[in-house]
């Protein structure tokens, strides 16, 4: 499961591996059935005041994790609260 994109910018290549926790958060969120919009909103709250490039690379890592989850064929959806 690739965690990077061949079209990455130089900044993104330099940060490769630095956003694996955000990638993993997206992956686990998707596997557990959390709404992508909720996870994206939570990330946005954490990144308030950060530089635009930092926000962009973290959003990209989160989306990569969300997108990668279905390829694992796992289902850990949480039941109703």
Protein backbone atom coordinates (compact mmCIF):
# COMPACT_ATOMS: atom_id res chain seq x y z
CA UNK A 1 0.00 0.00 0.00
CA UNK A 2 1.85 3.11 -1.16
CA UNK A 3 1.79 6.08 1.19
CA UNK A 4 3.03 8.57 -1.36
CA UNK A 5 2.15 9.95 -4.75
CA UNK A 6 4.55 10.04 -7.70
CA UNK A 7 3.31 13.59 -8.37
CA UNK A 8 4.48 14.88 -4.97
CA UNK A 9 6.10 18.29 -4.76
CA UNK A 10 9.66 18.71 -3.47
CA UNK A 11 8.25 19.76 -0.10
CA UNK A 12 6.08 16.66 0.09
CA UNK A 13 9.03 14.43 -0.85
CA UNK A 14 11.13 16.08 1.85
CA UNK A 15 8.41 15.40 4.39
CA UNK A 16 7.89 11.79 3.32
CA UNK A 17 7.41 9.67 6.40
CA UNK A 18 6.75 12.69 8.57
CA UNK A 19 2.98 12.47 8.29
CA UNK A 20 2.56 8.73 8.79
CA UNK A 21 0.54 9.32 11.95
CA UNK A 22 -1.97 11.38 9.97
CA UNK A 23 -2.05 8.71 7.25
CA UNK A 24 -2.72 6.10 9.96
CA UNK A 25 -5.44 8.28 11.50
CA UNK A 26 -7.23 8.40 8.14
CA UNK A 27 -6.82 4.67 7.67
CA UNK A 28 -8.18 3.80 11.13
CA UNK A 29 -10.98 6.35 10.87
CA UNK A 30 -12.19 4.80 7.62
CA UNK A 31 -11.88 1.24 8.93
CA UNK A 32 -13.86 2.12 12.05
CA UNK A 33 -16.62 3.83 10.08
CA UNK A 34 -16.01 7.40 11.18
CA UNK A 35 -17.28 9.98 8.70
CA UNK A 36 -14.49 11.44 6.59
CA UNK A 37 -15.92 14.94 7.06
CA UNK A 38 -15.70 14.58 10.84
CA UNK A 39 -12.08 13.44 10.71
CA UNK A 40 -11.21 16.24 8.28
CA UNK A 41 -12.85 18.79 10.60
CA UNK A 42 -10.91 17.46 13.57
CA UNK A 43 -7.65 17.73 11.65
CA UNK A 44 -8.52 21.29 10.62
CA UNK A 45 -9.02 22.19 14.29
CA UNK A 46 -5.64 20.74 15.22
CA UNK A 47 -3.93 22.65 12.43
CA UNK A 48 -5.43 26.08 13.09
CA UNK A 49 -2.72 28.69 12.70
CA UNK A 50 -0.28 26.37 10.91
CA UNK A 51 1.39 27.32 7.64
CA UNK A 52 -0.55 26.61 4.44
CA UNK A 53 1.98 24.01 3.27
CA UNK A 54 1.76 22.16 6.60
CA UNK A 55 -2.03 22.08 6.37
CA UNK A 56 -1.90 20.87 2.76
CA UNK A 57 0.55 18.03 3.42
CA UNK A 58 -1.42 16.86 6.45
CA UNK A 59 -4.70 16.97 4.52
CA UNK A 60 -3.07 14.97 1.74
CA UNK A 61 -1.76 12.37 4.20
CA UNK A 62 -5.19 12.08 5.83
CA UNK A 63 -6.88 11.63 2.47
CA UNK A 64 -4.33 9.00 1.44
CA UNK A 65 -5.15 7.04 4.61
CA UNK A 66 -8.88 7.37 4.04
CA UNK A 67 -8.45 6.20 0.44
CA UNK A 68 -6.14 3.30 1.32
CA UNK A 69 -8.41 1.66 3.91
CA UNK A 70 -10.78 -0.12 1.50
CA UNK A 71 -7.86 -1.91 -0.16
CA UNK A 72 -7.18 -3.74 3.12
CA UNK A 73 -10.50 -5.57 3.00
CA UNK A 74 -11.03 -5.09 6.75
CA UNK A 75 -14.15 -3.94 8.56
CA UNK A 76 -13.86 -2.62 12.10
CA UNK A 77 -16.95 -0.43 11.96
CA UNK A 78 -18.02 0.82 15.37
CA UNK A 79 -21.54 0.10 16.57
CA UNK A 80 -24.02 2.83 17.47
CA UNK A 81 -23.21 4.81 20.59
